[in-house]
Protein backbone atom coordinates (compact mmCIF):
# COMPACT_ATOMS: atom_id res chain seq x y z
CA MET A 1 0.00 0.00 0.00
CA THR A 2 1.19 3.52 -0.79
CA TYR A 3 0.55 6.48 1.52
CA VAL A 4 0.62 10.28 1.54
CA GLY A 5 0.01 11.37 5.12
CA ARG A 6 -3.10 9.49 6.23
CA VAL A 7 -4.19 8.89 2.64
CA HIS A 8 -3.61 5.45 1.15
CA LEU A 9 -4.48 3.81 -2.16
CA ARG A 10 -6.57 0.74 -2.68
CA PRO A 11 -8.68 -0.74 -5.46
CA ALA A 12 -12.39 0.01 -5.36
CA VAL A 13 -14.80 -2.71 -4.30
CA GLU A 14 -18.53 -3.04 -4.94
CA ARG A 15 -19.52 -1.47 -1.63
CA ASP A 16 -17.63 1.72 -2.66
CA VAL A 17 -19.83 2.40 -5.68
CA PRO A 18 -22.49 4.67 -4.08
CA ALA A 19 -19.85 6.77 -2.29
CA LEU A 20 -17.73 6.89 -5.44
CA LEU A 21 -20.60 8.16 -7.59
CA ALA A 22 -21.30 10.85 -4.96
CA PHE A 23 -17.59 11.70 -4.87
CA TRP A 24 -17.51 12.17 -8.65
CA LYS A 25 -20.46 14.60 -8.41
CA LEU A 26 -18.34 16.67 -6.01
CA ALA A 27 -14.86 16.33 -7.51
CA ALA A 28 -15.12 15.34 -11.18
CA GLU A 29 -16.25 17.05 -14.37
CA ASP A 30 -18.89 15.78 -16.79
CA THR A 31 -20.65 13.55 -14.27
CA ASN A 32 -23.95 13.40 -16.13
CA ARG A 33 -22.82 11.33 -19.09
CA VAL A 34 -24.34 7.98 -19.92
CA GLY A 35 -22.44 5.16 -18.27
CA ASP A 36 -21.46 6.75 -14.98
CA ASP A 37 -23.89 4.70 -12.95
CA THR A 38 -23.93 1.85 -10.46
CA ALA A 39 -24.21 -0.88 -13.08
CA ALA A 40 -21.29 0.39 -15.16
CA VAL A 41 -18.93 0.98 -12.23
CA SER A 42 -19.81 -2.39 -10.71
CA ALA A 43 -19.15 -4.09 -14.06
CA LEU A 44 -15.71 -2.46 -14.22
CA ILE A 45 -14.85 -3.66 -10.72
CA ARG A 46 -15.94 -7.20 -11.58
CA ARG A 47 -14.08 -7.24 -14.91
CA ASP A 48 -10.82 -5.70 -13.70
CA PRO A 49 -10.73 -5.44 -9.89
CA GLN A 50 -7.44 -3.52 -9.85
CA ALA A 51 -8.31 -0.87 -12.46
CA LEU A 52 -10.29 1.56 -10.32
CA LEU A 53 -7.87 3.12 -7.84
CA LEU A 54 -9.14 5.01 -4.83
CA ALA A 55 -7.27 7.37 -2.54
CA VAL A 56 -8.91 7.11 0.86
CA ASP A 57 -8.50 8.87 4.18
CA GLY A 58 -10.14 6.66 6.78
CA ASP A 59 -13.44 5.74 5.14
CA GLU A 60 -13.60 8.86 2.94
CA ILE A 61 -12.77 8.77 -0.76
CA VAL A 62 -10.50 11.73 -1.53
CA GLY A 63 -9.31 10.70 -5.01
CA SER A 64 -9.94 8.31 -7.87
CA LEU A 65 -8.38 7.19 -11.12
CA ILE A 66 -9.35 4.43 -13.52
CA ALA A 67 -6.24 2.82 -15.02
CA GLY A 68 -7.59 0.67 -17.83
CA PHE A 69 -5.43 -1.62 -19.94
CA ASP A 70 -6.90 -3.40 -22.95
CA GLY A 71 -3.88 -5.60 -23.58
CA TRP A 72 -2.32 -3.04 -25.87
CA ARG A 73 -3.07 0.51 -24.74
CA CYS A 74 -3.10 2.22 -21.36
CA HIS A 75 -6.04 4.55 -20.71
CA LEU A 76 -6.72 6.86 -17.76
CA TYR A 77 -10.20 7.99 -16.81
CA ARG A 78 -12.00 9.66 -13.93
CA PHE A 79 -8.94 11.32 -12.41
CA ALA A 80 -10.41 13.34 -9.56
CA VAL A 81 -9.27 14.69 -6.22
CA ARG A 82 -11.61 16.15 -3.65
CA PRO A 83 -11.46 19.95 -4.12
CA ASP A 84 -10.39 20.70 -0.54
CA ARG A 85 -7.64 18.05 -0.74
CA ARG A 86 -5.96 19.17 -3.97
CA ARG A 87 -2.28 20.10 -4.10
CA GLN A 88 -1.42 17.62 -1.32
CA GLY A 89 0.18 14.91 -3.48
CA ILE A 90 -2.94 12.75 -3.83
CA GLY A 91 -3.10 13.14 -7.60
CA LYS A 92 0.58 12.27 -7.95
CA LEU A 93 0.07 9.20 -5.77
CA LEU A 94 -2.77 8.04 -8.04
CA LEU A 95 -0.87 8.73 -11.28
CA ASP A 96 2.27 7.00 -10.02
CA ALA A 97 0.26 3.90 -9.07
CA ALA A 98 -1.53 3.83 -12.43
CA GLU A 99 1.73 4.18 -14.33
CA ALA A 100 3.33 1.40 -12.26
CA ARG A 101 0.34 -0.81 -13.11
CA PHE A 102 0.82 -0.08 -16.79
CA ARG A 103 4.56 -0.73 -16.69
CA ALA A 104 3.90 -4.10 -15.01
CA PHE A 105 1.73 -5.00 -18.03
CA GLY A 106 4.43 -3.87 -20.45
CA GLY A 107 2.59 -0.67 -21.33
CA ARG A 108 4.63 1.95 -23.13
CA ARG A 109 2.35 4.99 -23.25
CA ALA A 110 -0.62 6.18 -21.24
CA ASP A 111 -3.34 8.45 -22.52
CA ALA A 112 -6.09 10.37 -20.79
CA MET A 113 -9.40 11.80 -21.88
CA VAL A 114 -9.65 15.38 -20.64
CA LEU A 115 -12.42 17.84 -21.39
CA ASP A 116 -11.26 20.81 -23.46
CA ASP A 117 -12.83 23.30 -21.04
CA ASN A 118 -11.46 21.69 -17.87
CA VAL A 119 -8.49 24.03 -17.46
CA LEU A 120 -7.88 22.92 -13.87
CA ALA A 121 -7.41 19.36 -15.13
CA HIS A 122 -5.05 20.56 -17.85
CA HIS A 123 -2.75 21.88 -15.14
CA ALA A 124 -2.92 18.62 -13.17
CA TRP A 125 -2.17 16.45 -16.21
CA SER A 126 0.63 18.79 -17.26
CA ALA A 127 2.18 18.58 -13.80
CA GLY A 128 2.13 14.78 -14.18
CA GLY A 129 4.15 15.02 -17.40
CA TYR A 130 1.25 14.59 -19.85
CA ARG A 131 0.86 16.71 -22.98
CA ALA A 132 -2.20 17.44 -25.10
CA GLN A 133 -2.28 15.97 -28.60
CA PRO A 134 -4.16 18.65 -30.55
CA GLU A 135 -4.25 16.54 -33.72
CA TRP A 136 -6.59 14.01 -32.06
CA ARG A 137 -10.28 14.28 -31.29
CA ARG A 138 -12.40 11.66 -29.67
CA TRP A 139 -15.26 10.24 -31.72
CA VAL A 140 -18.14 8.63 -29.86
CA LYS A 141 -21.38 6.78 -30.53
CA GLY A 142 -23.88 5.74 -27.92
CA LEU A 143 -24.75 2.05 -27.97
């Protein structure tokens, strides 16, 4: 287990889902999109129990990051830190753990989906060594 002060990391479990969804409403952007619901998060936890990383202080979720690996590419989603706990090393702790997970799989590059208007997130990703790729745009289709 990795710690920053009283904060430690652990994978999410099914009983975390309601608190995690509430946490995302407080700390994450774009929380009203299709798919951010109990069924989807529970399915992720069942499919890849180590992918959804939580930073917790006692019983409180103070950070999250999904570190998904599809066998080829490394993807980062739902990087969020509780607003009153930002700039305390929690985000770095989460990113370092995700990158270590990817390296253990043989991953060579991680990418993140970040909203264009989320300037605060741009600073956090930049501080972690990530750079925007302006030549790419995400294309989506609801299923």
